Amino acid sequence: MKQRLVVTLTFIVATTGCAIRVPGISLGAFGGSSASSAGSSSSSPSEAPILESASTKAWRAVLDNRQLEEQLTQLHEYLEDGPKEGSTSPDQHAEWIIKFLKNDKLAEVAAGCKAGTYKGETLTLERRKWLKADAICPSVVDREALLKKQVHAWGVAICDRSFWEIGTRIDRIEKEGKVSTGLLEEAQSAQKMKDYVASFAKKTFEAIGEQVPPEALAKADDLTKRRQDVIAKLAVAGKIDRTAKADAGAEKAIREVYARRFDVKSVIMRDGDWKVVRNDFGVLLRHYKNADVLVKAKDGSFCALVPASVGQQYEDMGKYSNAYGVDEFIEGWPVKCP
C-alpha cells in the first residue's frame, strides 16, 4: 500500500510540478522523498535576498554616515522651525543657522541629488519620511538660499523681540507713572529707536550679506508716538509741590551733580530737617535730606521730577563734614515744564 502511494504521488508531482505534503513524507517539486523520524528536525528554506536598486544603496550609504545623517536632520529642523510671534531668543536661532552654513558638509550629497543618484530610492522610513531622498534632496540642493531666507526671518524676529520689550517698557511707564532718566538724557525720536533696534539685528543680517531691512524697523514709528502720548498725558497730570525749607549748600551740591547729565531747572527740597543714620550699635554715621530735581527732557517735550538724596558724614563732637555726598536716582515723574 505504501509503495503504491509513493508511486501515485510521484506521478502527480511530475505532471503538475507542485509540492505535496503527507504525514511522514516530504516531497520536492520534482520528486524525491524523505521520511521524518522522531528526534529529527526539518529546516525551512532560506528567504531570497532583498534586491536594492542602485539609488537605494547609494542613499543607504548616505544615511549610514552618522555625520551626514545628523547634517540632514539639522537642515530639516532649521528649515521647518521658523520664527513665530513672540519667539524667544531669536538671536540664538539665527546664530545656530549661520554656524551651520559656515560648517556645511552636504556638498557631496547635493552633487548626488543633482546627478539623480538617489532618485527613486525605496528605503522604508515610516517615522521620518522627510529623510527620503526625493523628499529632502530639493532642500539639500538649495540649502544655502533656503537657510539664508531663514536667517533673514530670524533677523526680523530679533527686531520684533526688541520692539516687544520697548512696548512693555511703555506699558510700565503708563502703569507706574514714571520714566527712566535715559529718556531725559537724550532726544527721543523714531529714528533713534530704529537705530537702537537695528543694532541688535545688524550682525545677523550682515552674516548673509544684507542690511537690516526698513520694513523690519517700521514699528518704531507707532511705538514712538505711543510713548510720547503716554508721557504727555502723565505730564499734564503731574504736580510740582512747594519746596520745604531751603538749604543753599545742599541744593548747590545736588544741582552740580545732576547738571552733569541733565538740564536742571530747579532743586526742590523735600525735607526741612536732617535725618540721622546710626549703625546697629547706635553710633551716629551721617545725616541726609531728600529732594526732587526738576529737569527738562533733552527733546524739550516734557520735564520730570527726579529724586535725589544729599548727606554729610558725621565726624566727631557733634560736627559733620563740610563735603556733601549726593545719591542719584534713575527714574522720575513727568510734569509740565513751568
C-alpha atoms as a PDB file:
ATOM      1  CA  MET A   1       0.000   0.000   0.000  1.00  0.00           C
ATOM      2  CA  LYS A   2       2.799   2.436   0.955  1.00  0.00           C
ATOM      3  CA  GLN A   3       4.688   1.699  -2.263  1.00  0.00           C
ATOM      4  CA  ARG A   4       1.564   2.362  -4.298  1.00  0.00           C
ATOM      5  CA  LEU A   5       1.038   5.740  -2.543  1.00  0.00           C
ATOM      6  CA  VAL A   6       4.577   6.885  -3.279  1.00  0.00           C
ATOM      7  CA  VAL A   7       4.239   5.987  -6.914  1.00  0.00           C
ATOM      8  CA  THR A   8       0.925   7.821  -7.208  1.00  0.00           C
ATOM      9  CA  LEU A   9       2.220  10.972  -5.562  1.00  0.00           C
ATOM     10  CA  THR A  10       5.359  10.915  -7.660  1.00  0.00           C
ATOM     11  CA  PHE A  11       3.202  10.817 -10.741  1.00  0.00           C
ATOM     12  CA  ILE A  12       1.149  13.792  -9.549  1.00  0.00           C
ATOM     13  CA  VAL A  13       4.254  15.875  -8.784  1.00  0.00           C
ATOM     14  CA  ALA A  14       5.847  15.002 -12.076  1.00  0.00           C
ATOM     15  CA  THR A  15       2.771  16.060 -14.015  1.00  0.00           C
ATOM     16  CA  THR A  16       1.784  19.184 -12.046  1.00  0.00           C
ATOM     17  CA  GLY A  17       5.118  20.466 -10.702  1.00  0.00           C
ATOM     18  CA  CYS A  18       3.516  21.045  -7.283  1.00  0.00           C
ATOM     19  CA  ALA A  19       4.923  20.013  -3.938  1.00  0.00           C
ATOM     20  CA  ILE A  20       2.654  17.767  -1.862  1.00  0.00           C
ATOM     21  CA  ARG A  21       2.981  17.029   1.849  1.00  0.00           C
ATOM     22  CA  VAL A  22       1.592  13.945   3.554  1.00  0.00           C
ATOM     23  CA  PRO A  23       2.182  12.867   7.138  1.00  0.00           C
ATOM     24  CA  GLY A  24       5.647  11.423   7.477  1.00  0.00           C
ATOM     25  CA  ILE A  25       6.590  12.117   3.861  1.00  0.00           C
ATOM     26  CA  SER A  26       8.195  15.229   2.276  1.00  0.00           C
ATOM     27  CA  LEU A  27       8.275  15.600  -1.476  1.00  0.00           C
ATOM     28  CA  GLY A  28      10.057  18.239  -3.543  1.00  0.00           C
ATOM     29  CA  ALA A  29       8.609  19.832  -6.605  1.00  0.00           C
ATOM     30  CA  PHE A  30      10.424  17.359  -8.782  1.00  0.00           C
ATOM     31  CA  GLY A  31      10.047  14.176  -6.731  1.00  0.00           C
ATOM     32  CA  GLY A  32      12.297  12.729  -4.068  1.00  0.00           C
ATOM     33  CA  SER A  33      11.088  11.938  -0.577  1.00  0.00           C
ATOM     34  CA  SER A  34      12.370  11.793   2.962  1.00  0.00           C
ATOM     35  CA  ALA A  35      10.573  10.195   5.867  1.00  0.00           C
ATOM     36  CA  SER A  36      10.693  12.164   9.139  1.00  0.00           C
ATOM     37  CA  SER A  37      11.656  10.275  12.219  1.00  0.00           C
ATOM     38  CA  ALA A  38      11.349  11.024  15.918  1.00  0.00           C
ATOM     39  CA  GLY A  39      14.008  13.398  17.213  1.00  0.00           C
ATOM     40  CA  SER A  40      14.887  14.830  13.785  1.00  0.00           C
ATOM     41  CA  SER A  41      14.237  18.486  12.789  1.00  0.00           C
ATOM     42  CA  SER A  42      13.313  19.896   9.432  1.00  0.00           C
ATOM     43  CA  SER A  43      14.725  23.284   8.300  1.00  0.00           C
ATOM     44  CA  SER A  44      12.632  25.824   6.371  1.00  0.00           C
ATOM     45  CA  PRO A  45      14.017  27.010   3.047  1.00  0.00           C
ATOM     46  CA  SER A  46      16.120  30.264   3.317  1.00  0.00           C
ATOM     47  CA  GLU A  47      14.486  33.508   2.255  1.00  0.00           C
ATOM     48  CA  ALA A  48      15.510  35.061  -1.031  1.00  0.00           C
ATOM     49  CA  PRO A  49      17.828  38.113  -0.580  1.00  0.00           C
ATOM     50  CA  ILE A  50      16.192  41.560  -0.885  1.00  0.00           C
ATOM     51  CA  LEU A  51      17.422  43.229  -4.019  1.00  0.00           C
ATOM     52  CA  GLU A  52      18.003  47.006  -3.725  1.00  0.00           C
ATOM     53  CA  SER A  53      18.277  49.405  -6.591  1.00  0.00           C
ATOM     54  CA  ALA A  54      21.489  51.344  -7.087  1.00  0.00           C
ATOM     55  CA  SER A  55      19.731  54.552  -5.941  1.00  0.00           C
ATOM     56  CA  THR A  56      18.543  52.895  -2.725  1.00  0.00           C
ATOM     57  CA  LYS A  57      22.005  51.528  -1.977  1.00  0.00           C
ATOM     58  CA  ALA A  58      23.521  54.959  -2.587  1.00  0.00           C
ATOM     59  CA  TRP A  59      21.042  56.658  -0.244  1.00  0.00           C
ATOM     60  CA  ARG A  60      21.519  53.975   2.391  1.00  0.00           C
ATOM     61  CA  ALA A  61      25.241  54.765   2.286  1.00  0.00           C
ATOM     62  CA  VAL A  62      24.424  58.422   2.967  1.00  0.00           C
ATOM     63  CA  LEU A  63      22.261  57.575   5.982  1.00  0.00           C
ATOM     64  CA  ASP A  64      24.810  55.081   7.298  1.00  0.00           C
ATOM     65  CA  ASN A  65      27.216  58.008   7.599  1.00  0.00           C
ATOM     66  CA  ARG A  66      26.215  59.329  11.018  1.00  0.00           C
ATOM     67  CA  GLN A  67      27.685  62.758  10.378  1.00  0.00           C
ATOM     68  CA  LEU A  68      25.743  63.189   7.144  1.00  0.00           C
ATOM     69  CA  GLU A  69      22.515  61.956   8.721  1.00  0.00           C
ATOM     70  CA  GLU A  70      22.972  64.482  11.530  1.00  0.00           C
ATOM     71  CA  GLN A  71      23.557  67.249   8.985  1.00  0.00           C
ATOM     72  CA  LEU A  72      20.411  66.295   7.080  1.00  0.00           C
ATOM     73  CA  THR A  73      18.440  66.292  10.326  1.00  0.00           C
ATOM     74  CA  GLN A  74      19.746  69.734  11.272  1.00  0.00           C
ATOM     75  CA  LEU A  75      18.980  71.068   7.817  1.00  0.00           C
ATOM     76  CA  HIS A  76      15.398  69.834   8.084  1.00  0.00           C
ATOM     77  CA  GLU A  77      14.960  71.305  11.577  1.00  0.00           C
ATOM     78  CA  TYR A  78      16.358  74.704  10.609  1.00  0.00           C
ATOM     79  CA  LEU A  79      14.086  74.931   7.581  1.00  0.00           C
ATOM     80  CA  GLU A  80      10.978  73.773   9.449  1.00  0.00           C
ATOM     81  CA  ASP A  81      11.484  75.759  12.666  1.00  0.00           C
ATOM     82  CA  GLY A  82      10.661  79.297  11.558  1.00  0.00           C
ATOM     83  CA  PRO A  83      10.036  82.211  13.939  1.00  0.00           C
ATOM     84  CA  LYS A  84       6.580  82.612  15.400  1.00  0.00           C
ATOM     85  CA  GLU A  85       5.053  85.634  17.081  1.00  0.00           C
ATOM     86  CA  GLY A  86       6.630  86.108  20.483  1.00  0.00           C
ATOM     87  CA  SER A  87       9.648  83.948  19.654  1.00  0.00           C
ATOM     88  CA  THR A  88      12.199  83.965  22.448  1.00  0.00           C
ATOM     89  CA  SER A  89      15.959  84.060  21.850  1.00  0.00           C
ATOM     90  CA  PRO A  90      15.673  84.630  18.071  1.00  0.00           C
ATOM     91  CA  ASP A  91      19.318  85.731  18.036  1.00  0.00           C
ATOM     92  CA  GLN A  92      20.342  82.225  19.142  1.00  0.00           C
ATOM     93  CA  HIS A  93      18.324  80.581  16.384  1.00  0.00           C
ATOM     94  CA  ALA A  94      19.955  82.865  13.822  1.00  0.00           C
ATOM     95  CA  GLU A  95      23.415  82.100  15.190  1.00  0.00           C
ATOM     96  CA  TRP A  96      22.801  78.335  15.004  1.00  0.00           C
ATOM     97  CA  ILE A  97      21.819  78.531  11.334  1.00  0.00           C
ATOM     98  CA  ILE A  98      24.732  80.828  10.480  1.00  0.00           C
ATOM     99  CA  LYS A  99      27.130  78.425  12.170  1.00  0.00           C
ATOM    100  CA  PHE A 100      25.610  75.541  10.187  1.00  0.00           C
ATOM    101  CA  LEU A 101      26.039  77.494   6.958  1.00  0.00           C
ATOM    102  CA  LYS A 102      29.724  78.019   7.676  1.00  0.00           C
ATOM    103  CA  ASN A 103      30.324  74.345   8.545  1.00  0.00           C
ATOM    104  CA  ASP A 104      28.081  72.668   5.976  1.00  0.00           C
ATOM    105  CA  LYS A 105      29.257  69.194   4.903  1.00  0.00           C
ATOM    106  CA  LEU A 106      26.451  68.295   2.480  1.00  0.00           C
ATOM    107  CA  ALA A 107      28.167  69.274  -0.771  1.00  0.00           C
ATOM    108  CA  GLU A 108      28.730  65.649  -1.801  1.00  0.00           C
ATOM    109  CA  VAL A 109      25.104  64.745  -1.074  1.00  0.00           C
ATOM    110  CA  ALA A 110      23.940  67.771  -3.048  1.00  0.00           C
ATOM    111  CA  ALA A 111      26.046  66.647  -6.017  1.00  0.00           C
ATOM    112  CA  GLY A 112      24.400  63.211  -5.882  1.00  0.00           C
ATOM    113  CA  CYS A 113      20.944  64.811  -5.718  1.00  0.00           C
ATOM    114  CA  LYS A 114      21.670  66.950  -8.789  1.00  0.00           C
ATOM    115  CA  ALA A 115      23.000  63.947 -10.691  1.00  0.00           C
ATOM    116  CA  GLY A 116      19.908  61.879  -9.849  1.00  0.00           C
ATOM    117  CA  THR A 117      21.993  59.298  -7.971  1.00  0.00           C
ATOM    118  CA  TYR A 118      19.325  58.823  -5.308  1.00  0.00           C
ATOM    119  CA  LYS A 119      16.222  59.331  -7.430  1.00  0.00           C
ATOM    120  CA  GLY A 120      13.551  56.740  -6.715  1.00  0.00           C
ATOM    121  CA  GLU A 121      15.191  55.205  -3.628  1.00  0.00           C
ATOM    122  CA  THR A 122      12.796  52.911  -1.759  1.00  0.00           C
ATOM    123  CA  LEU A 123      14.003  52.763   1.841  1.00  0.00           C
ATOM    124  CA  THR A 124      11.210  52.354   4.377  1.00  0.00           C
ATOM    125  CA  LEU A 125      11.300  55.399   6.674  1.00  0.00           C
ATOM    126  CA  GLU A 126       7.900  55.483   8.333  1.00  0.00           C
ATOM    127  CA  ARG A 127       8.835  57.816  11.195  1.00  0.00           C
ATOM    128  CA  ARG A 128      10.997  60.225   9.195  1.00  0.00           C
ATOM    129  CA  LYS A 129       9.588  60.290   5.712  1.00  0.00           C
ATOM    130  CA  TRP A 130      11.233  63.658   5.149  1.00  0.00           C
ATOM    131  CA  LEU A 131      14.586  61.814   5.231  1.00  0.00           C
ATOM    132  CA  LYS A 132      13.803  60.005   1.996  1.00  0.00           C
ATOM    133  CA  ALA A 133      15.998  61.200  -0.850  1.00  0.00           C
ATOM    134  CA  ASP A 134      13.227  62.503  -3.073  1.00  0.00           C
ATOM    135  CA  ALA A 135      11.761  64.466  -0.151  1.00  0.00           C
ATOM    136  CA  ILE A 136      14.902  66.155   1.135  1.00  0.00           C
ATOM    137  CA  CYS A 137      17.055  66.482  -1.989  1.00  0.00           C
ATOM    138  CA  PRO A 138      15.427  69.789  -3.069  1.00  0.00           C
ATOM    139  CA  SER A 139      16.336  71.249   0.334  1.00  0.00           C
ATOM    140  CA  VAL A 140      19.891  69.932   0.114  1.00  0.00           C
ATOM    141  CA  VAL A 141      20.439  71.358  -3.363  1.00  0.00           C
ATOM    142  CA  ASP A 142      19.033  74.803  -2.495  1.00  0.00           C
ATOM    143  CA  ARG A 143      20.106  74.768   1.149  1.00  0.00           C
ATOM    144  CA  GLU A 144      22.218  77.940   1.031  1.00  0.00           C
ATOM    145  CA  ALA A 145      19.427  80.120  -0.325  1.00  0.00           C
ATOM    146  CA  LEU A 146      16.826  78.487   1.916  1.00  0.00           C
ATOM    147  CA  LEU A 147      18.935  78.836   5.066  1.00  0.00           C
ATOM    148  CA  LYS A 148      19.728  82.469   4.287  1.00  0.00           C
ATOM    149  CA  LYS A 149      15.997  83.045   3.961  1.00  0.00           C
ATOM    150  CA  GLN A 150      15.555  81.548   7.434  1.00  0.00           C
ATOM    151  CA  VAL A 151      18.334  83.713   8.871  1.00  0.00           C
ATOM    152  CA  HIS A 152      16.569  86.727   7.369  1.00  0.00           C
ATOM    153  CA  ALA A 153      13.324  85.648   9.048  1.00  0.00           C
ATOM    154  CA  TRP A 154      15.045  85.220  12.419  1.00  0.00           C
ATOM    155  CA  GLY A 155      16.721  88.618  11.947  1.00  0.00           C
ATOM    156  CA  VAL A 156      13.298  90.201  11.578  1.00  0.00           C
ATOM    157  CA  ALA A 157      12.241  88.283  14.703  1.00  0.00           C
ATOM    158  CA  ILE A 158      15.160  89.869  16.585  1.00  0.00           C
ATOM    159  CA  CYS A 159      13.753  93.279  15.693  1.00  0.00           C
ATOM    160  CA  ASP A 160      10.246  92.218  16.693  1.00  0.00           C
ATOM    161  CA  ARG A 161      11.542  90.984  20.037  1.00  0.00           C
ATOM    162  CA  SER A 162      13.260  94.313  20.702  1.00  0.00           C
ATOM    163  CA  PHE A 163      10.098  96.240  19.830  1.00  0.00           C
ATOM    164  CA  TRP A 164       8.124  93.977  22.161  1.00  0.00           C
ATOM    165  CA  GLU A 165      10.491  94.843  25.005  1.00  0.00           C
ATOM    166  CA  ILE A 166      10.150  98.567  24.228  1.00  0.00           C
ATOM    167  CA  GLY A 167       6.379  98.133  24.257  1.00  0.00           C
ATOM    168  CA  THR A 168       6.484  96.534  27.708  1.00  0.00           C
ATOM    169  CA  ARG A 169       8.538  99.491  28.992  1.00  0.00           C
ATOM    170  CA  ILE A 170       5.918 101.898  27.642  1.00  0.00           C
ATOM    171  CA  ASP A 171       3.252  99.835  29.417  1.00  0.00           C
ATOM    172  CA  ARG A 172       5.241 100.202  32.608  1.00  0.00           C
ATOM    173  CA  ILE A 173       5.514 103.981  32.172  1.00  0.00           C
ATOM    174  CA  GLU A 174       1.756 104.180  31.756  1.00  0.00           C
ATOM    175  CA  LYS A 175       1.082 101.922  34.748  1.00  0.00           C
ATOM    176  CA  GLU A 176       3.616 103.314  37.225  1.00  0.00           C
ATOM    177  CA  GLY A 177       3.577 106.936  36.069  1.00  0.00           C
ATOM    178  CA  LYS A 178       7.355 107.373  35.882  1.00  0.00           C
ATOM    179  CA  VAL A 179      10.085 107.322  33.254  1.00  0.00           C
ATOM    180  CA  SER A 180      13.714 106.240  33.216  1.00  0.00           C
ATOM    181  CA  THR A 181      16.289 109.013  33.266  1.00  0.00           C
ATOM    182  CA  GLY A 182      17.631 107.590  29.985  1.00  0.00           C
ATOM    183  CA  LEU A 183      14.602 109.125  28.248  1.00  0.00           C
ATOM    184  CA  LEU A 184      15.575 112.504  29.691  1.00  0.00           C
ATOM    185  CA  GLU A 185      19.245 112.459  28.775  1.00  0.00           C
ATOM    186  CA  GLU A 186      18.948 112.079  25.016  1.00  0.00           C
ATOM    187  CA  ALA A 187      16.497 113.391  22.445  1.00  0.00           C
ATOM    188  CA  GLN A 188      13.982 110.678  21.620  1.00  0.00           C
ATOM    189  CA  SER A 189      12.738 110.045  18.083  1.00  0.00           C
ATOM    190  CA  ALA A 190      11.526 107.239  15.843  1.00  0.00           C
ATOM    191  CA  GLN A 191      14.892 107.218  14.078  1.00  0.00           C
ATOM    192  CA  LYS A 192      16.719 106.848  17.362  1.00  0.00           C
ATOM    193  CA  MET A 193      14.525 103.868  18.229  1.00  0.00           C
ATOM    194  CA  LYS A 194      15.183 102.350  14.797  1.00  0.00           C
ATOM    195  CA  ASP A 195      18.932 102.734  15.263  1.00  0.00           C
ATOM    196  CA  TYR A 196      18.672 101.142  18.696  1.00  0.00           C
ATOM    197  CA  VAL A 197      16.722  98.106  17.455  1.00  0.00           C
ATOM    198  CA  ALA A 198      18.860  97.716  14.323  1.00  0.00           C
ATOM    199  CA  SER A 199      21.986  97.460  16.476  1.00  0.00           C
ATOM    200  CA  PHE A 200      20.768  94.105  17.820  1.00  0.00           C
ATOM    201  CA  ALA A 201      19.990  92.605  14.401  1.00  0.00           C
ATOM    202  CA  LYS A 202      22.841  94.139  12.403  1.00  0.00           C
ATOM    203  CA  LYS A 203      25.344  91.284  12.746  1.00  0.00           C
ATOM    204  CA  THR A 204      22.691  88.714  11.792  1.00  0.00           C
ATOM    205  CA  PHE A 205      21.835  90.396   8.507  1.00  0.00           C
ATOM    206  CA  GLU A 206      25.467  91.169   7.726  1.00  0.00           C
ATOM    207  CA  ALA A 207      26.269  87.442   8.059  1.00  0.00           C
ATOM    208  CA  ILE A 208      24.127  86.805   4.967  1.00  0.00           C
ATOM    209  CA  GLY A 209      25.294  89.905   3.114  1.00  0.00           C
ATOM    210  CA  GLU A 210      22.262  92.072   3.889  1.00  0.00           C
ATOM    211  CA  GLN A 211      21.405  95.249   5.752  1.00  0.00           C
ATOM    212  CA  VAL A 212      18.610  95.468   8.308  1.00  0.00           C
ATOM    213  CA  PRO A 213      15.528  95.959   6.091  1.00  0.00           C
ATOM    214  CA  PRO A 214      13.482  99.139   6.683  1.00  0.00           C
ATOM    215  CA  GLU A 215      10.263  97.154   6.972  1.00  0.00           C
ATOM    216  CA  ALA A 216      11.680  95.298   9.983  1.00  0.00           C
ATOM    217  CA  LEU A 217      12.000  98.650  11.783  1.00  0.00           C
ATOM    218  CA  ALA A 218       8.640 100.132  10.840  1.00  0.00           C
ATOM    219  CA  LYS A 219       7.104  99.518  14.283  1.00  0.00           C
ATOM    220  CA  ALA A 220       9.304 102.292  15.694  1.00  0.00           C
ATOM    221  CA  ASP A 221       7.003 104.990  14.302  1.00  0.00           C
ATOM    222  CA  ASP A 222       3.893 103.808  16.152  1.00  0.00           C
ATOM    223  CA  LEU A 223       5.767 102.968  19.365  1.00  0.00           C
ATOM    224  CA  THR A 224       7.477 106.371  19.455  1.00  0.00           C
ATOM    225  CA  LYS A 225       4.163 108.176  19.087  1.00  0.00           C
ATOM    226  CA  ARG A 226       2.547 105.982  21.718  1.00  0.00           C
ATOM    227  CA  ARG A 227       5.345 106.696  24.198  1.00  0.00           C
ATOM    228  CA  GLN A 228       5.081 110.429  23.548  1.00  0.00           C
ATOM    229  CA  ASP A 229       1.316 110.346  24.101  1.00  0.00           C
ATOM    230  CA  VAL A 230       1.645 108.376  27.351  1.00  0.00           C
ATOM    231  CA  ILE A 231       4.307 110.730  28.748  1.00  0.00           C
ATOM    232  CA  ALA A 232       2.385 113.848  27.670  1.00  0.00           C
ATOM    233  CA  LYS A 233      -0.715 112.590  29.486  1.00  0.00           C
ATOM    234  CA  LEU A 234       1.294 111.905  32.644  1.00  0.00           C
ATOM    235  CA  ALA A 235       2.966 115.310  32.452  1.00  0.00           C
ATOM    236  CA  VAL A 236      -0.381 117.098  32.343  1.00  0.00           C
ATOM    237  CA  ALA A 237      -1.488 115.237  35.463  1.00  0.00           C
ATOM    238  CA  GLY A 238       1.856 115.709  37.274  1.00  0.00           C
ATOM    239  CA  LYS A 239       2.232 118.228  40.110  1.00  0.00           C
ATOM    240  CA  ILE A 240       5.183 120.207  41.411  1.00  0.00           C
ATOM    241  CA  ASP A 241       4.742 120.622  45.158  1.00  0.00           C
ATOM    242  CA  ARG A 242       6.195 123.531  47.062  1.00  0.00           C
ATOM    243  CA  THR A 243       9.681 123.178  48.424  1.00  0.00           C
ATOM    244  CA  ALA A 244      10.447 122.607  52.082  1.00  0.00           C
ATOM    245  CA  LYS A 245      12.816 124.900  53.953  1.00  0.00           C
ATOM    246  CA  ALA A 246      15.586 125.958  51.579  1.00  0.00           C
ATOM    247  CA  ASP A 247      19.138 124.710  52.105  1.00  0.00           C
ATOM    248  CA  ALA A 248      21.532 126.555  49.838  1.00  0.00           C
ATOM    249  CA  GLY A 249      24.502 124.233  50.455  1.00  0.00           C
ATOM    250  CA  ALA A 250      22.540 121.023  49.886  1.00  0.00           C
ATOM    251  CA  GLU A 251      20.759 122.456  46.820  1.00  0.00           C
ATOM    252  CA  LYS A 252      24.027 123.543  45.253  1.00  0.00           C
ATOM    253  CA  ALA A 253      25.595 120.111  45.784  1.00  0.00           C
ATOM    254  CA  ILE A 254      22.619 118.386  44.176  1.00  0.00           C
ATOM    255  CA  ARG A 255      22.496 120.779  41.220  1.00  0.00           C
ATOM    256  CA  GLU A 256      26.202 120.319  40.465  1.00  0.00           C
ATOM    257  CA  VAL A 257      25.867 116.540  40.328  1.00  0.00           C
ATOM    258  CA  TYR A 258      22.671 116.415  38.252  1.00  0.00           C
ATOM    259  CA  ALA A 259      23.788 119.158  35.859  1.00  0.00           C
ATOM    260  CA  ARG A 260      26.428 116.771  34.523  1.00  0.00           C
ATOM    261  CA  ARG A 261      23.637 114.804  32.854  1.00  0.00           C
ATOM    262  CA  PHE A 262      20.534 116.960  32.732  1.00  0.00           C
ATOM    263  CA  ASP A 263      19.176 120.413  32.036  1.00  0.00           C
ATOM    264  CA  VAL A 264      18.391 121.259  35.682  1.00  0.00           C
ATOM    265  CA  LYS A 265      15.623 123.812  36.201  1.00  0.00           C
ATOM    266  CA  SER A 266      15.450 123.765  39.994  1.00  0.00           C
ATOM    267  CA  VAL A 267      16.136 121.743  43.133  1.00  0.00           C
ATOM    268  CA  ILE A 268      13.145 121.235  45.397  1.00  0.00           C
ATOM    269  CA  MET A 269      13.982 120.231  48.976  1.00  0.00           C
ATOM    270  CA  ARG A 270      11.548 117.725  50.468  1.00  0.00           C
ATOM    271  CA  ASP A 271      12.997 117.575  53.984  1.00  0.00           C
ATOM    272  CA  GLY A 272      13.383 120.680  56.098  1.00  0.00           C
ATOM    273  CA  ASP A 273      15.373 118.902  58.813  1.00  0.00           C
ATOM    274  CA  TRP A 274      18.227 116.445  58.569  1.00  0.00           C
ATOM    275  CA  LYS A 275      17.546 112.753  59.123  1.00  0.00           C
ATOM    276  CA  VAL A 276      20.227 110.853  61.026  1.00  0.00           C
ATOM    277  CA  VAL A 277      21.600 107.375  60.301  1.00  0.00           C
ATOM    278  CA  ARG A 278      23.077 105.191  63.038  1.00  0.00           C
ATOM    279  CA  ASN A 279      24.568 101.716  62.929  1.00  0.00           C
ATOM    280  CA  ASP A 280      23.275  98.707  64.887  1.00  0.00           C
ATOM    281  CA  PHE A 281      25.168  99.883  67.962  1.00  0.00           C
ATOM    282  CA  GLY A 282      23.634 103.350  67.910  1.00  0.00           C
ATOM    283  CA  VAL A 283      26.766 105.079  66.642  1.00  0.00           C
ATOM    284  CA  LEU A 284      25.985 108.158  64.554  1.00  0.00           C
ATOM    285  CA  LEU A 285      27.184 107.767  60.950  1.00  0.00           C
ATOM    286  CA  ARG A 286      25.690 110.589  58.860  1.00  0.00           C
ATOM    287  CA  HIS A 287      22.657 112.716  58.210  1.00  0.00           C
ATOM    288  CA  TYR A 288      20.750 113.357  54.984  1.00  0.00           C
ATOM    289  CA  LYS A 289      17.876 115.188  53.282  1.00  0.00           C
ATOM    290  CA  ASN A 290      15.688 114.204  50.319  1.00  0.00           C
ATOM    291  CA  ALA A 291      14.903 116.403  47.359  1.00  0.00           C
ATOM    292  CA  ASP A 292      13.430 116.427  43.867  1.00  0.00           C
ATOM    293  CA  VAL A 293      15.346 117.782  40.893  1.00  0.00           C
ATOM    294  CA  LEU A 294      13.261 119.365  38.166  1.00  0.00           C
ATOM    295  CA  VAL A 295      14.973 118.521  34.875  1.00  0.00           C
ATOM    296  CA  LYS A 296      13.972 119.141  31.285  1.00  0.00           C
ATOM    297  CA  ALA A 297      13.998 116.320  28.753  1.00  0.00           C
ATOM    298  CA  LYS A 298      16.602 116.642  26.023  1.00  0.00           C
ATOM    299  CA  ASP A 299      13.944 116.927  23.321  1.00  0.00           C
ATOM    300  CA  GLY A 300      12.136 119.632  25.354  1.00  0.00           C
ATOM    301  CA  SER A 301       8.786 117.856  25.209  1.00  0.00           C
ATOM    302  CA  PHE A 302       8.363 117.500  28.989  1.00  0.00           C
ATOM    303  CA  CYS A 303      10.052 117.873  32.363  1.00  0.00           C
ATOM    304  CA  ALA A 304      10.409 115.387  35.193  1.00  0.00           C
ATOM    305  CA  LEU A 305      10.946 115.361  38.930  1.00  0.00           C
ATOM    306  CA  VAL A 306      13.907 113.082  39.632  1.00  0.00           C
ATOM    307  CA  PRO A 307      14.575 112.168  43.295  1.00  0.00           C
ATOM    308  CA  ALA A 308      17.901 112.955  44.955  1.00  0.00           C
ATOM    309  CA  SER A 309      19.399 112.445  48.387  1.00  0.00           C
ATOM    310  CA  VAL A 310      22.129 114.624  49.862  1.00  0.00           C
ATOM    311  CA  GLY A 311      24.101 113.867  53.014  1.00  0.00           C
ATOM    312  CA  GLN A 312      27.153 114.608  55.169  1.00  0.00           C
ATOM    313  CA  GLN A 313      29.315 112.153  57.090  1.00  0.00           C
ATOM    314  CA  TYR A 314      29.470 112.546  60.862  1.00  0.00           C
ATOM    315  CA  GLU A 315      32.935 113.432  62.118  1.00  0.00           C
ATOM    316  CA  ASP A 316      33.053 114.000  65.884  1.00  0.00           C
ATOM    317  CA  MET A 317      31.914 116.182  68.722  1.00  0.00           C
ATOM    318  CA  GLY A 318      28.524 116.899  67.074  1.00  0.00           C
ATOM    319  CA  LYS A 319      30.114 118.071  63.844  1.00  0.00           C
ATOM    320  CA  TYR A 320      29.566 116.857  60.287  1.00  0.00           C
ATOM    321  CA  SER A 321      31.812 117.063  57.258  1.00  0.00           C
ATOM    322  CA  ASN A 322      31.555 120.176  55.107  1.00  0.00           C
ATOM    323  CA  ALA A 323      31.511 117.980  51.984  1.00  0.00           C
ATOM    324  CA  TYR A 324      28.225 116.721  50.569  1.00  0.00           C
ATOM    325  CA  GLY A 325      27.545 113.325  49.066  1.00  0.00           C
ATOM    326  CA  VAL A 326      24.708 113.030  46.553  1.00  0.00           C
ATOM    327  CA  ASP A 327      22.794 109.868  45.646  1.00  0.00           C
ATOM    328  CA  GLU A 328      21.307 109.900  42.147  1.00  0.00           C
ATOM    329  CA  PHE A 329      18.157 108.080  41.078  1.00  0.00           C
ATOM    330  CA  ILE A 330      17.331 106.512  37.725  1.00  0.00           C
ATOM    331  CA  GLU A 331      13.609 107.302  37.405  1.00  0.00           C
ATOM    332  CA  GLY A 332      11.456 110.399  37.566  1.00  0.00           C
ATOM    333  CA  TRP A 333       7.831 111.568  37.361  1.00  0.00           C
ATOM    334  CA  PRO A 334       6.800 113.511  34.226  1.00  0.00           C
ATOM    335  CA  VAL A 335       5.415 117.014  34.747  1.00  0.00           C
ATOM    336  CA  LYS A 336       4.781 120.012  32.517  1.00  0.00           C
ATOM    337  CA  CYS A 337       7.727 122.374  32.338  1.00  0.00           C
ATOM    338  CA  PRO A 338       6.994 125.637  34.178  1.00  0.00           C
END
